[in-house]
Amino acid sequence: MKLQLPLYEGDSIIRYGPTTSPDPVAGQQQAHSTPKMTQRSKITAAATSLPALNIAEIEARARALRAAAIADLVSRAWTWLGTYFERARRRREEEYLARSQSLAELEHRLRKLERQGQLLHV
């Protein structure tokens, strides 16, 4: 007598393959032991009432969706890049102004940045 736990398809356990039996009837039963729901369907597209697939239309729609996704990605990247450089510029200006030793020097640096067109009032 052989004791085994019941094992099912997809349980991630490696099992022995089908064994051959000297009895031809037993061999036939093992050869066709695959459950019916896992066998391939023999229904053809003509037998069903599904509409035919228009590959060109599907491909055109996929290209349009892909182009829109890429355009959105580029737009967001461009916005992020602009924000990154703007913050870096402001940080440099603030550090430059923070290094001033007196109020007169701070006003001089502010005027210098305004004349160069680098200081933007928000």
PDB file of N, CA and C in Angstrom:
ATOM      1  N   MET A   1       0.846  -1.184   0.000  1.00  0.00           N
ATOM      2  CA  MET A   1       0.000   0.000   0.000  1.00  0.00           C
ATOM      3  C   MET A   1       0.884   1.237   0.000  1.00  0.00           C
ATOM      4  N   LYS A   2       0.492   2.232  -0.759  1.00  0.00           N
ATOM      5  CA  LYS A   2       1.269   3.439  -0.924  1.00  0.00           C
ATOM      6  C   LYS A   2       0.503   4.605  -0.302  1.00  0.00           C
ATOM      7  N   LEU A   3       1.116   5.335   0.606  1.00  0.00           N
ATOM      8  CA  LEU A   3       0.456   6.475   1.240  1.00  0.00           C
ATOM      9  C   LEU A   3       0.967   7.763   0.612  1.00  0.00           C
ATOM     10  N   GLN A   4       0.058   8.565   0.092  1.00  0.00           N
ATOM     11  CA  GLN A   4       0.411   9.837  -0.520  1.00  0.00           C
ATOM     12  C   GLN A   4      -0.638  10.865  -0.166  1.00  0.00           C
ATOM     13  N   LEU A   5      -0.213  12.116  -0.050  1.00  0.00           N
ATOM     14  CA  LEU A   5      -1.165  13.206   0.090  1.00  0.00           C
ATOM     15  C   LEU A   5      -1.703  13.559  -1.285  1.00  0.00           C
ATOM     16  N   PRO A   6      -2.946  13.968  -1.383  1.00  0.00           N
ATOM     17  CA  PRO A   6      -3.456  14.363  -2.703  1.00  0.00           C
ATOM     18  C   PRO A   6      -2.743  15.634  -3.172  1.00  0.00           C
ATOM     19  N   LEU A   7      -2.249  15.622  -4.394  1.00  0.00           N
ATOM     20  CA  LEU A   7      -1.545  16.765  -4.968  1.00  0.00           C
ATOM     21  C   LEU A   7      -2.344  17.288  -6.148  1.00  0.00           C
ATOM     22  N   TYR A   8      -2.312  18.575  -6.322  1.00  0.00           N
ATOM     23  CA  TYR A   8      -3.097  19.210  -7.374  1.00  0.00           C
ATOM     24  C   TYR A   8      -2.195  20.019  -8.281  1.00  0.00           C
ATOM     25  N   GLU A   9      -2.665  20.272  -9.483  1.00  0.00           N
ATOM     26  CA  GLU A   9      -1.939  21.039 -10.476  1.00  0.00           C
ATOM     27  C   GLU A   9      -1.615  22.422  -9.937  1.00  0.00           C
ATOM     28  N   GLY A  10      -0.368  22.824 -10.011  1.00  0.00           N
ATOM     29  CA  GLY A  10       0.011  24.161  -9.594  1.00  0.00           C
ATOM     30  C   GLY A  10       0.316  24.293  -8.121  1.00  0.00           C
ATOM     31  N   ASP A  11       0.545  23.201  -7.413  1.00  0.00           N
ATOM     32  CA  ASP A  11       0.833  23.304  -5.986  1.00  0.00           C
ATOM     33  C   ASP A  11       2.328  23.435  -5.714  1.00  0.00           C
ATOM     34  N   SER A  12       3.143  23.632  -6.745  1.00  0.00           N
ATOM     35  CA  SER A  12       4.581  23.877  -6.662  1.00  0.00           C
ATOM     36  C   SER A  12       5.358  22.710  -6.077  1.00  0.00           C
ATOM     37  N   ILE A  13       4.892  21.539  -6.241  1.00  0.00           N
ATOM     38  CA  ILE A  13       5.600  20.356  -5.770  1.00  0.00           C
ATOM     39  C   ILE A  13       5.970  19.526  -6.988  1.00  0.00           C
ATOM     40  N   ILE A  14       7.224  19.128  -7.069  1.00  0.00           N
ATOM     41  CA  ILE A  14       7.680  18.303  -8.190  1.00  0.00           C
ATOM     42  C   ILE A  14       7.224  16.875  -7.946  1.00  0.00           C
ATOM     43  N   ARG A  15       6.570  16.284  -8.962  1.00  0.00           N
ATOM     44  CA  ARG A  15       6.057  14.926  -8.827  1.00  0.00           C
ATOM     45  C   ARG A  15       6.629  14.051  -9.916  1.00  0.00           C
ATOM     46  N   TYR A  16       6.485  12.772  -9.717  1.00  0.00           N
ATOM     47  CA  TYR A  16       6.908  11.816 -10.725  1.00  0.00           C
ATOM     48  C   TYR A  16       5.995  11.922 -11.937  1.00  0.00           C
ATOM     49  N   GLY A  17       6.555  11.633 -13.103  1.00  0.00           N
ATOM     50  CA  GLY A  17       5.766  11.648 -14.317  1.00  0.00           C
ATOM     51  C   GLY A  17       4.881  10.427 -14.406  1.00  0.00           C
ATOM     52  N   PRO A  18       4.048  10.340 -15.446  1.00  0.00           N
ATOM     53  CA  PRO A  18       3.174   9.172 -15.580  1.00  0.00           C
ATOM     54  C   PRO A  18       4.012   7.909 -15.792  1.00  0.00           C
ATOM     55  N   THR A  19       3.583   6.860 -15.187  1.00  0.00           N
ATOM     56  CA  THR A  19       4.295   5.586 -15.317  1.00  0.00           C
ATOM     57  C   THR A  19       3.587   4.738 -16.352  1.00  0.00           C
ATOM     58  N   THR A  20       4.344   3.889 -16.978  1.00  0.00           N
ATOM     59  CA  THR A  20       3.735   2.981 -17.952  1.00  0.00           C
ATOM     60  C   THR A  20       3.286   1.733 -17.224  1.00  0.00           C
ATOM     61  N   SER A  21       2.204   1.233 -17.669  1.00  0.00           N
ATOM     62  CA  SER A  21       1.635   0.051 -17.039  1.00  0.00           C
ATOM     63  C   SER A  21       1.647  -1.090 -18.041  1.00  0.00           C
ATOM     64  N   PRO A  22       1.892  -2.278 -17.592  1.00  0.00           N
ATOM     65  CA  PRO A  22       1.837  -3.406 -18.529  1.00  0.00           C
ATOM     66  C   PRO A  22       0.419  -3.624 -19.044  1.00  0.00           C
ATOM     67  N   ASP A  23      -0.569  -3.205 -18.295  1.00  0.00           N
ATOM     68  CA  ASP A  23      -1.966  -3.362 -18.697  1.00  0.00           C
ATOM     69  C   ASP A  23      -2.319  -2.229 -19.655  1.00  0.00           C
ATOM     70  N   PRO A  24      -2.732  -2.463 -20.913  1.00  0.00           N
ATOM     71  CA  PRO A  24      -3.012  -1.385 -21.871  1.00  0.00           C
ATOM     72  C   PRO A  24      -4.177  -0.495 -21.444  1.00  0.00           C
ATOM     73  N   VAL A  25      -5.151  -1.013 -20.758  1.00  0.00           N
ATOM     74  CA  VAL A  25      -6.290  -0.207 -20.330  1.00  0.00           C
ATOM     75  C   VAL A  25      -5.844   0.801 -19.278  1.00  0.00           C
ATOM     76  N   ALA A  26      -5.010   0.378 -18.334  1.00  0.00           N
ATOM     77  CA  ALA A  26      -4.508   1.292 -17.308  1.00  0.00           C
ATOM     78  C   ALA A  26      -3.614   2.354 -17.934  1.00  0.00           C
ATOM     79  N   GLY A  27      -2.821   1.968 -18.951  1.00  0.00           N
ATOM     80  CA  GLY A  27      -1.965   2.927 -19.641  1.00  0.00           C
ATOM     81  C   GLY A  27      -2.778   3.996 -20.350  1.00  0.00           C
ATOM     82  N   GLN A  28      -3.925   3.617 -20.929  1.00  0.00           N
ATOM     83  CA  GLN A  28      -4.787   4.593 -21.593  1.00  0.00           C
ATOM     84  C   GLN A  28      -5.386   5.555 -20.592  1.00  0.00           C
ATOM     85  N   GLN A  29      -5.758   5.055 -19.439  1.00  0.00           N
ATOM     86  CA  GLN A  29      -6.364   5.930 -18.438  1.00  0.00           C
ATOM     87  C   GLN A  29      -5.360   6.957 -17.940  1.00  0.00           C
ATOM     88  N   GLN A  30      -4.105   6.561 -17.775  1.00  0.00           N
ATOM     89  CA  GLN A  30      -3.106   7.514 -17.320  1.00  0.00           C
ATOM     90  C   GLN A  30      -2.766   8.537 -18.394  1.00  0.00           C
ATOM     91  N   ALA A  31      -2.788   8.135 -19.643  1.00  0.00           N
ATOM     92  CA  ALA A  31      -2.458   9.050 -20.728  1.00  0.00           C
ATOM     93  C   ALA A  31      -3.509  10.152 -20.853  1.00  0.00           C
ATOM     94  N   HIS A  32      -4.759   9.866 -20.527  1.00  0.00           N
ATOM     95  CA  HIS A  32      -5.831  10.843 -20.662  1.00  0.00           C
ATOM     96  C   HIS A  32      -6.348  11.290 -19.298  1.00  0.00           C
ATOM     97  N   SER A  33      -5.459  11.439 -18.357  1.00  0.00           N
ATOM     98  CA  SER A  33      -5.902  11.802 -17.012  1.00  0.00           C
ATOM     99  C   SER A  33      -5.942  13.315 -16.797  1.00  0.00           C
ATOM    100  N   THR A  34      -5.620  14.094 -17.801  1.00  0.00           N
ATOM    101  CA  THR A  34      -5.677  15.554 -17.672  1.00  0.00           C
ATOM    102  C   THR A  34      -7.135  15.989 -17.540  1.00  0.00           C
ATOM    103  N   PRO A  35      -7.445  16.848 -16.568  1.00  0.00           N
ATOM    104  CA  PRO A  35      -8.828  17.299 -16.436  1.00  0.00           C
ATOM    105  C   PRO A  35      -9.287  18.031 -17.692  1.00  0.00           C
ATOM    106  N   LYS A  36     -10.562  17.921 -17.981  1.00  0.00           N
ATOM    107  CA  LYS A  36     -11.103  18.523 -19.186  1.00  0.00           C
ATOM    108  C   LYS A  36     -10.953  20.041 -19.208  1.00  0.00           C
ATOM    109  N   MET A  37     -10.978  20.683 -18.048  1.00  0.00           N
ATOM    110  CA  MET A  37     -10.900  22.147 -18.053  1.00  0.00           C
ATOM    111  C   MET A  37      -9.502  22.653 -18.395  1.00  0.00           C
ATOM    112  N   THR A  38      -8.470  21.817 -18.308  1.00  0.00           N
ATOM    113  CA  THR A  38      -7.129  22.257 -18.670  1.00  0.00           C
ATOM    114  C   THR A  38      -6.767  21.903 -20.102  1.00  0.00           C
ATOM    115  N   GLN A  39      -7.624  21.173 -20.814  1.00  0.00           N
ATOM    116  CA  GLN A  39      -7.358  20.838 -22.203  1.00  0.00           C
ATOM    117  C   GLN A  39      -7.714  22.021 -23.083  1.00  0.00           C
ATOM    118  N   ARG A  40      -7.055  22.127 -24.211  1.00  0.00           N
ATOM    119  CA  ARG A  40      -7.307  23.234 -25.134  1.00  0.00           C
ATOM    120  C   ARG A  40      -8.694  23.126 -25.756  1.00  0.00           C
ATOM    121  N   SER A  41      -9.281  24.285 -25.971  1.00  0.00           N
ATOM    122  CA  SER A  41     -10.603  24.338 -26.571  1.00  0.00           C
ATOM    123  C   SER A  41     -10.499  24.109 -28.073  1.00  0.00           C
ATOM    124  N   LYS A  42     -11.451  23.432 -28.623  1.00  0.00           N
ATOM    125  CA  LYS A  42     -11.461  23.158 -30.054  1.00  0.00           C
ATOM    126  C   LYS A  42     -12.478  24.052 -30.777  1.00  0.00           C
ATOM    127  N   ILE A  43     -12.958  25.089 -30.094  1.00  0.00           N
ATOM    128  CA  ILE A  43     -13.918  26.012 -30.700  1.00  0.00           C
ATOM    129  C   ILE A  43     -13.157  26.978 -31.594  1.00  0.00           C
ATOM    130  N   THR A  44     -13.619  27.151 -32.817  1.00  0.00           N
ATOM    131  CA  THR A  44     -12.956  28.056 -33.752  1.00  0.00           C
ATOM    132  C   THR A  44     -13.624  29.425 -33.698  1.00  0.00           C
ATOM    133  N   ALA A  45     -12.943  30.412 -34.231  1.00  0.00           N
ATOM    134  CA  ALA A  45     -13.478  31.769 -34.236  1.00  0.00           C
ATOM    135  C   ALA A  45     -14.738  31.861 -35.093  1.00  0.00           C
ATOM    136  N   ALA A  46     -14.832  31.041 -36.129  1.00  0.00           N
ATOM    137  CA  ALA A  46     -16.008  31.073 -36.988  1.00  0.00           C
ATOM    138  C   ALA A  46     -17.238  30.542 -36.260  1.00  0.00           C
ATOM    139  N   ALA A  47     -17.042  29.637 -35.319  1.00  0.00           N
ATOM    140  CA  ALA A  47     -18.167  29.046 -34.609  1.00  0.00           C
ATOM    141  C   ALA A  47     -18.741  30.002 -33.558  1.00  0.00           C
ATOM    142  N   THR A  48     -17.966  30.970 -33.126  1.00  0.00           N
ATOM    143  CA  THR A  48     -18.456  31.914 -32.118  1.00  0.00           C
ATOM    144  C   THR A  48     -19.073  33.119 -32.798  1.00  0.00           C
ATOM    145  N   SER A  49     -19.816  33.894 -32.028  1.00  0.00           N
ATOM    146  CA  SER A  49     -20.456  35.076 -32.594  1.00  0.00           C
ATOM    147  C   SER A  49     -19.652  36.340 -32.296  1.00  0.00           C
ATOM    148  N   LEU A  50     -18.360  36.220 -32.004  1.00  0.00           N
ATOM    149  CA  LEU A  50     -17.522  37.379 -31.718  1.00  0.00           C
ATOM    150  C   LEU A  50     -17.170  38.097 -33.018  1.00  0.00           C
ATOM    151  N   PRO A  51     -17.098  39.440 -32.970  1.00  0.00           N
ATOM    152  CA  PRO A  51     -16.706  40.162 -34.188  1.00  0.00           C
ATOM    153  C   PRO A  51     -15.218  39.940 -34.472  1.00  0.00           C
ATOM    154  N   ALA A  52     -14.860  40.069 -35.728  1.00  0.00           N
ATOM    155  CA  ALA A  52     -13.464  39.890 -36.132  1.00  0.00           C
ATOM    156  C   ALA A  52     -12.631  41.049 -35.592  1.00  0.00           C
ATOM    157  N   LEU A  53     -11.391  40.748 -35.254  1.00  0.00           N
ATOM    158  CA  LEU A  53     -10.488  41.774 -34.736  1.00  0.00           C
ATOM    159  C   LEU A  53      -9.903  42.580 -35.885  1.00  0.00           C
ATOM    160  N   ASN A  54      -9.920  43.900 -35.725  1.00  0.00           N
ATOM    161  CA  ASN A  54      -9.320  44.773 -36.709  1.00  0.00           C
ATOM    162  C   ASN A  54      -7.948  45.167 -36.180  1.00  0.00           C
ATOM    163  N   ILE A  55      -6.927  44.494 -36.643  1.00  0.00           N
ATOM    164  CA  ILE A  55      -5.565  44.682 -36.134  1.00  0.00           C
ATOM    165  C   ILE A  55      -5.078  46.101 -36.396  1.00  0.00           C
ATOM    166  N   ALA A  56      -5.382  46.659 -37.547  1.00  0.00           N
ATOM    167  CA  ALA A  56      -4.925  48.014 -37.871  1.00  0.00           C
ATOM    168  C   ALA A  56      -5.528  49.029 -36.906  1.00  0.00           C
ATOM    169  N   GLU A  57      -6.800  48.863 -36.572  1.00  0.00           N
ATOM    170  CA  GLU A  57      -7.461  49.781 -35.639  1.00  0.00           C
ATOM    171  C   GLU A  57      -6.872  49.654 -34.232  1.00  0.00           C
ATOM    172  N   ILE A  58      -6.628  48.432 -33.813  1.00  0.00           N
ATOM    173  CA  ILE A  58      -6.037  48.200 -32.490  1.00  0.00           C
ATOM    174  C   ILE A  58      -4.640  48.800 -32.429  1.00  0.00           C
ATOM    175  N   GLU A  59      -3.865  48.606 -33.503  1.00  0.00           N
ATOM    176  CA  GLU A  59      -2.501  49.132 -33.542  1.00  0.00           C
ATOM    177  C   GLU A  59      -2.505  50.665 -33.555  1.00  0.00           C
ATOM    178  N   ALA A  60      -3.423  51.269 -34.290  1.00  0.00           N
ATOM    179  CA  ALA A  60      -3.500  52.735 -34.338  1.00  0.00           C
ATOM    180  C   ALA A  60      -3.882  53.295 -32.967  1.00  0.00           C
ATOM    181  N   ARG A  61      -4.801  52.648 -32.308  1.00  0.00           N
ATOM    182  CA  ARG A  61      -5.203  53.111 -30.972  1.00  0.00           C
ATOM    183  C   ARG A  61      -4.057  52.960 -29.968  1.00  0.00           C
ATOM    184  N   ALA A  62      -3.324  51.838 -30.076  1.00  0.00           N
ATOM    185  CA  ALA A  62      -2.180  51.620 -29.189  1.00  0.00           C
ATOM    186  C   ALA A  62      -1.108  52.672 -29.416  1.00  0.00           C
ATOM    187  N   ARG A  63      -0.864  53.021 -30.687  1.00  0.00           N
ATOM    188  CA  ARG A  63       0.130  54.069 -30.990  1.00  0.00           C
ATOM    189  C   ARG A  63      -0.314  55.416 -30.434  1.00  0.00           C
ATOM    190  N   ALA A  64      -1.600  55.732 -30.557  1.00  0.00           N
ATOM    191  CA  ALA A  64      -2.103  57.008 -30.031  1.00  0.00           C
ATOM    192  C   ALA A  64      -1.982  57.055 -28.510  1.00  0.00           C
ATOM    193  N   LEU A  65      -2.324  55.955 -27.844  1.00  0.00           N
ATOM    194  CA  LEU A  65      -2.188  55.904 -26.379  1.00  0.00           C
ATOM    195  C   LEU A  65      -0.726  56.008 -25.958  1.00  0.00           C
ATOM    196  N   ARG A  66       0.145  55.344 -26.684  1.00  0.00           N
ATOM    197  CA  ARG A  66       1.569  55.397 -26.375  1.00  0.00           C
ATOM    198  C   ARG A  66       2.116  56.803 -26.582  1.00  0.00           C
ATOM    199  N   ALA A  67       1.706  57.468 -27.666  1.00  0.00           N
ATOM    200  CA  ALA A  67       2.157  58.836 -27.926  1.00  0.00           C
ATOM    201  C   ALA A  67       1.666  59.783 -26.837  1.00  0.00           C
ATOM    202  N   ALA A  68       0.424  59.610 -26.387  1.00  0.00           N
ATOM    203  CA  ALA A  68      -0.108  60.461 -25.322  1.00  0.00           C
ATOM    204  C   ALA A  68       0.640  60.226 -24.015  1.00  0.00           C
ATOM    205  N   ALA A  69       0.959  58.983 -23.724  1.00  0.00           N
ATOM    206  CA  ALA A  69       1.699  58.669 -22.488  1.00  0.00           C
ATOM    207  C   ALA A  69       3.104  59.254 -22.538  1.00  0.00           C
ATOM    208  N   ILE A  70       3.763  59.151 -23.685  1.00  0.00           N
ATOM    209  CA  ILE A  70       5.111  59.703 -23.828  1.00  0.00           C
ATOM    210  C   ILE A  70       5.080  61.222 -23.740  1.00  0.00           C
ATOM    211  N   ALA A  71       4.076  61.851 -24.368  1.00  0.00           N
ATOM    212  CA  ALA A  71       3.954  63.313 -24.299  1.00  0.00           C
ATOM    213  C   ALA A  71       3.735  63.771 -22.864  1.00  0.00           C
ATOM    214  N   ASP A  72       2.909  63.048 -22.116  1.00  0.00           N
ATOM    215  CA  ASP A  72       2.680  63.393 -20.714  1.00  0.00           C
ATOM    216  C   ASP A  72       3.957  63.232 -19.903  1.00  0.00           C
ATOM    217  N   LEU A  73       4.691  62.164 -20.147  1.00  0.00           N
ATOM    218  CA  LEU A  73       5.939  61.924 -19.434  1.00  0.00           C
ATOM    219  C   LEU A  73       6.965  63.015 -19.726  1.00  0.00           C
ATOM    220  N   VAL A  74       7.101  63.392 -20.991  1.00  0.00           N
ATOM    221  CA  VAL A  74       8.048  64.446 -21.369  1.00  0.00           C
ATOM    222  C   VAL A  74       7.631  65.777 -20.750  1.00  0.00           C
ATOM    223  N   SER A  75       6.343  66.061 -20.756  1.00  0.00           N
ATOM    224  CA  SER A  75       5.854  67.302 -20.161  1.00  0.00           C
ATOM    225  C   SER A  75       6.156  67.360 -18.673  1.00  0.00           C
ATOM    226  N   ARG A  76       5.891  66.263 -17.969  1.00  0.00           N
ATOM    227  CA  ARG A  76       6.172  66.239 -16.529  1.00  0.00           C
ATOM    228  C   ARG A  76       7.660  66.331 -16.251  1.00  0.00           C
ATOM    229  N   ALA A  77       8.494  65.670 -17.072  1.00  0.00           N
ATOM    230  CA  ALA A  77       9.944  65.740 -16.888  1.00  0.00           C
ATOM    231  C   ALA A  77      10.446  67.165 -17.132  1.00  0.00           C
ATOM    232  N   TRP A  78       9.903  67.829 -18.164  1.00  0.00           N
ATOM    233  CA  TRP A  78      10.306  69.202 -18.470  1.00  0.00           C
ATOM    234  C   TRP A  78       9.916  70.144 -17.328  1.00  0.00           C
ATOM    235  N   THR A  79       8.722  69.966 -16.776  1.00  0.00           N
ATOM    236  CA  THR A  79       8.275  70.782 -15.640  1.00  0.00           C
ATOM    237  C   THR A  79       9.168  70.541 -14.428  1.00  0.00           C
ATOM    238  N   TRP A  80       9.483  69.277 -14.158  1.00  0.00           N
ATOM    239  CA  TRP A  80      10.338  68.960 -13.019  1.00  0.00           C
ATOM    240  C   TRP A  80      11.731  69.567 -13.201  1.00  0.00           C
ATOM    241  N   LEU A  81      12.268  69.489 -14.416  1.00  0.00           N
ATOM    242  CA  LEU A  81      13.594  70.032 -14.693  1.00  0.00           C
ATOM    243  C   LEU A  81      13.605  71.544 -14.505  1.00  0.00           C
ATOM    244  N   GLY A  82      12.562  72.225 -15.002  1.00  0.00           N
ATOM    245  CA  GLY A  82      12.471  73.679 -14.817  1.00  0.00           C
ATOM    246  C   GLY A  82      12.401  74.062 -13.344  1.00  0.00           C
ATOM    247  N   THR A  83      11.606  73.315 -12.579  1.00  0.00           N
ATOM    248  CA  THR A  83      11.490  73.573 -11.143  1.00  0.00           C
ATOM    249  C   THR A  83      12.816  73.325 -10.440  1.00  0.00           C
ATOM    250  N   TYR A  84      13.520  72.271 -10.847  1.00  0.00           N
ATOM    251  CA  TYR A  84      14.809  71.945 -10.236  1.00  0.00           C
ATOM    252  C   TYR A  84      15.815  73.085 -10.444  1.00  0.00           C
ATOM    253  N   PHE A  85      15.922  73.573 -11.677  1.00  0.00           N
ATOM    254  CA  PHE A  85      16.876  74.645 -11.958  1.00  0.00           C
ATOM    255  C   PHE A  85      16.454  75.968 -11.310  1.00  0.00           C
ATOM    256  N   GLU A  86      15.168  76.222 -11.237  1.00  0.00           N
ATOM    257  CA  GLU A  86      14.684  77.441 -10.581  1.00  0.00           C
ATOM    258  C   GLU A  86      15.032  77.415  -9.091  1.00  0.00           C
ATOM    259  N   ARG A  87      14.824  76.290  -8.445  1.00  0.00           N
ATOM    260  CA  ARG A  87      15.174  76.178  -7.018  1.00  0.00           C
ATOM    261  C   ARG A  87      16.670  76.339  -6.809  1.00  0.00           C
ATOM    262  N   ALA A  88      17.469  75.747  -7.695  1.00  0.00           N
ATOM    263  CA  ALA A  88      18.928  75.873  -7.576  1.00  0.00           C
ATOM    264  C   ALA A  88      19.356  77.322  -7.732  1.00  0.00           C
ATOM    265  N   ARG A  89      18.750  78.044  -8.683  1.00  0.00           N
ATOM    266  CA  ARG A  89      19.086  79.455  -8.886  1.00  0.00           C
ATOM    267  C   ARG A  89      18.725  80.277  -7.662  1.00  0.00           C
ATOM    268  N   ARG A  90      17.530  80.046  -7.131  1.00  0.00           N
ATOM    269  CA  ARG A  90      17.113  80.791  -5.934  1.00  0.00           C
ATOM    270  C   ARG A  90      18.013  80.485  -4.744  1.00  0.00           C
ATOM    271  N   ARG A  91      18.393  79.234  -4.614  1.00  0.00           N
ATOM    272  CA  ARG A  91      19.275  78.851  -3.511  1.00  0.00           C
ATOM    273  C   ARG A  91      20.616  79.577  -3.615  1.00  0.00           C
ATOM    274  N   ARG A  92      21.182  79.649  -4.843  1.00  0.00           N
ATOM    275  CA  ARG A  92      22.443  80.371  -5.044  1.00  0.00           C
ATOM    276  C   ARG A  92      22.295  81.846  -4.694  1.00  0.00           C
ATOM    277  N   GLU A  93      21.172  82.460  -5.134  1.00  0.00           N
ATOM    278  CA  GLU A  93      20.948  83.882  -4.821  1.00  0.00           C
ATOM    279  C   GLU A  93      20.841  84.103  -3.321  1.00  0.00           C
ATOM    280  N   GLU A  94      20.086  83.245  -2.647  1.00  0.00           N
ATOM    281  CA  GLU A  94      19.926  83.399  -1.204  1.00  0.00           C
ATOM    282  C   GLU A  94      21.240  83.209  -0.464  1.00  0.00           C
ATOM    283  N   GLU A  95      22.054  82.251  -0.895  1.00  0.00           N
ATOM    284  CA  GLU A  95      23.363  82.069  -0.265  1.00  0.00           C
ATOM    285  C   GLU A  95      24.258  83.279  -0.503  1.00  0.00           C
ATOM    286  N   TYR A  96      24.195  83.835  -1.727  1.00  0.00           N
ATOM    287  CA  TYR A  96      24.988  85.023  -2.052  1.00  0.00           C
ATOM    288  C   TYR A  96      24.565  86.205  -1.177  1.00  0.00           C
ATOM    289  N   LEU A  97      23.253  86.369  -1.020  1.00  0.00           N
ATOM    290  CA  LEU A  97      22.763  87.480  -0.202  1.00  0.00           C
ATOM    291  C   LEU A  97      23.036  87.236   1.285  1.00  0.00           C
ATOM    292  N   ALA A  98      23.003  85.988   1.720  1.00  0.00           N
ATOM    293  CA  ALA A  98      23.231  85.675   3.133  1.00  0.00           C
ATOM    294  C   ALA A  98      24.681  85.905   3.550  1.00  0.00           C
ATOM    295  N   ARG A  99      25.606  85.928   2.612  1.00  0.00           N
ATOM    296  CA  ARG A  99      27.016  86.147   2.944  1.00  0.00           C
ATOM    297  C   ARG A  99      27.353  87.615   3.177  1.00  0.00           C
ATOM    298  N   SER A 100      26.386  88.483   2.974  1.00  0.00           N
ATOM    299  CA  SER A 100      26.661  89.911   3.189  1.00  0.00           C
ATOM    300  C   SER A 100      26.872  90.166   4.678  1.00  0.00           C
ATOM    301  N   GLN A 101      27.810  91.095   4.983  1.00  0.00           N
ATOM    302  CA  GLN A 101      28.203  91.366   6.368  1.00  0.00           C
ATOM    303  C   GLN A 101      27.385  92.495   6.996  1.00  0.00           C
ATOM    304  N   SER A 102      26.820  93.355   6.182  1.00  0.00           N
ATOM    305  CA  SER A 102      26.063  94.481   6.732  1.00  0.00           C
ATOM    306  C   SER A 102      24.841  94.746   5.875  1.00  0.00           C
ATOM    307  N   LEU A 103      23.992  95.623   6.364  1.00  0.00           N
ATOM    308  CA  LEU A 103      22.789  95.980   5.620  1.00  0.00           C
ATOM    309  C   LEU A 103      23.142  96.710   4.337  1.00  0.00           C
ATOM    310  N   ALA A 104      24.163  97.550   4.367  1.00  0.00           N
ATOM    311  CA  ALA A 104      24.586  98.280   3.169  1.00  0.00           C
ATOM    312  C   ALA A 104      25.086  97.319   2.102  1.00  0.00           C
ATOM    313  N   GLU A 105      25.850  96.327   2.536  1.00  0.00           N
ATOM    314  CA  GLU A 105      26.346  95.340   1.579  1.00  0.00           C
ATOM    315  C   GLU A 105      25.202  94.508   1.007  1.00  0.00           C
ATOM    316  N   LEU A 106      24.207  94.177   1.832  1.00  0.00           N
ATOM    317  CA  LEU A 106      23.027  93.430   1.361  1.00  0.00           C
ATOM    318  C   LEU A 106      22.284  94.226   0.299  1.00  0.00           C
ATOM    319  N   GLU A 107      22.069  95.538   0.551  1.00  0.00           N
ATOM    320  CA  GLU A 107      21.381  96.376  -0.443  1.00  0.00           C
ATOM    321  C   GLU A 107      22.191  96.483  -1.725  1.00  0.00           C
ATOM    322  N   HIS A 108      23.523  96.567  -1.595  1.00  0.00           N
ATOM    323  CA  HIS A 108      24.392  96.633  -2.776  1.00  0.00           C
ATOM    324  C   HIS A 108      24.258  95.347  -3.600  1.00  0.00           C
ATOM    325  N   ARG A 109      24.262  94.207  -2.926  1.00  0.00           N
ATOM    326  CA  ARG A 109      24.131  92.926  -3.638  1.00  0.00           C
ATOM    327  C   ARG A 109      22.757  92.788  -4.287  1.00  0.00           C
ATOM    328  N   LEU A 110      21.712  93.259  -3.612  1.00  0.00           N
ATOM    329  CA  LEU A 110      20.364  93.220  -4.199  1.00  0.00           C
ATOM    330  C   LEU A 110      20.302  94.058  -5.469  1.00  0.00           C
ATOM    331  N   ARG A 111      20.859  95.255  -5.417  1.00  0.00           N
ATOM    332  CA  ARG A 111      20.861  96.118  -6.606  1.00  0.00           C
ATOM    333  C   ARG A 111      21.656  95.477  -7.733  1.00  0.00           C
ATOM    334  N   LYS A 112      22.782  94.858  -7.386  1.00  0.00           N
ATOM    335  CA  LYS A 112      23.620  94.206  -8.398  1.00  0.00           C
ATOM    336  C   LYS A 112      22.845  93.083  -9.093  1.00  0.00           C
ATOM    337  N   LEU A 113      22.142  92.264  -8.322  1.00  0.00           N
ATOM    338  CA  LEU A 113      21.346  91.179  -8.921  1.00  0.00           C
ATOM    339  C   LEU A 113      20.199  91.725  -9.756  1.00  0.00           C
ATOM    340  N   GLU A 114      19.568  92.813  -9.306  1.00  0.00           N
ATOM    341  CA  GLU A 114      18.467  93.402 -10.072  1.00  0.00           C
ATOM    342  C   GLU A 114      18.959  93.981 -11.386  1.00  0.00           C
ATOM    343  N   ARG A 115      20.128  94.632 -11.367  1.00  0.00           N
ATOM    344  CA  ARG A 115      20.685  95.213 -12.604  1.00  0.00           C
ATOM    345  C   ARG A 115      21.060  94.127 -13.615  1.00  0.00           C
ATOM    346  N   GLN A 116      21.516  93.009 -13.123  1.00  0.00           N
ATOM    347  CA  GLN A 116      21.886  91.913 -14.022  1.00  0.00           C
ATOM    348  C   GLN A 116      20.653  91.147 -14.518  1.00  0.00           C
ATOM    349  N   GLY A 117      19.513  91.433 -13.919  1.00  0.00           N
ATOM    350  CA  GLY A 117      18.282  90.758 -14.338  1.00  0.00           C
ATOM    351  C   GLY A 117      18.161  89.361 -13.756  1.00  0.00           C
ATOM    352  N   GLN A 118      18.964  89.054 -12.754  1.00  0.00           N
ATOM    353  CA  GLN A 118      18.922  87.718 -12.171  1.00  0.00           C
ATOM    354  C   GLN A 118      17.937  87.623 -11.026  1.00  0.00           C
ATOM    355  N   LEU A 119      17.659  88.714 -10.367  1.00  0.00           N
ATOM    356  CA  LEU A 119      16.768  88.674  -9.206  1.00  0.00           C
ATOM    357  C   LEU A 119      15.331  88.879  -9.674  1.00  0.00           C
ATOM    358  N   LEU A 120      14.503  87.927  -9.401  1.00  0.00           N
ATOM    359  CA  LEU A 120      13.099  88.006  -9.785  1.00  0.00           C
ATOM    360  C   LEU A 120      12.268  88.210  -8.549  1.00  0.00           C
ATOM    361  N   HIS A 121      11.375  89.178  -8.582  1.00  0.00           N
ATOM    362  CA  HIS A 121      10.465  89.416  -7.464  1.00  0.00           C
ATOM    363  C   HIS A 121       9.249  88.538  -7.644  1.00  0.00           C
ATOM    364  N   VAL A 122       8.903  87.820  -6.620  1.00  0.00           N
ATOM    365  CA  VAL A 122       7.758  86.915  -6.689  1.00  0.00           C
ATOM    366  C   VAL A 122       6.569  87.540  -6.020  1.00  0.00           C
TER     367      VAL A 122
END
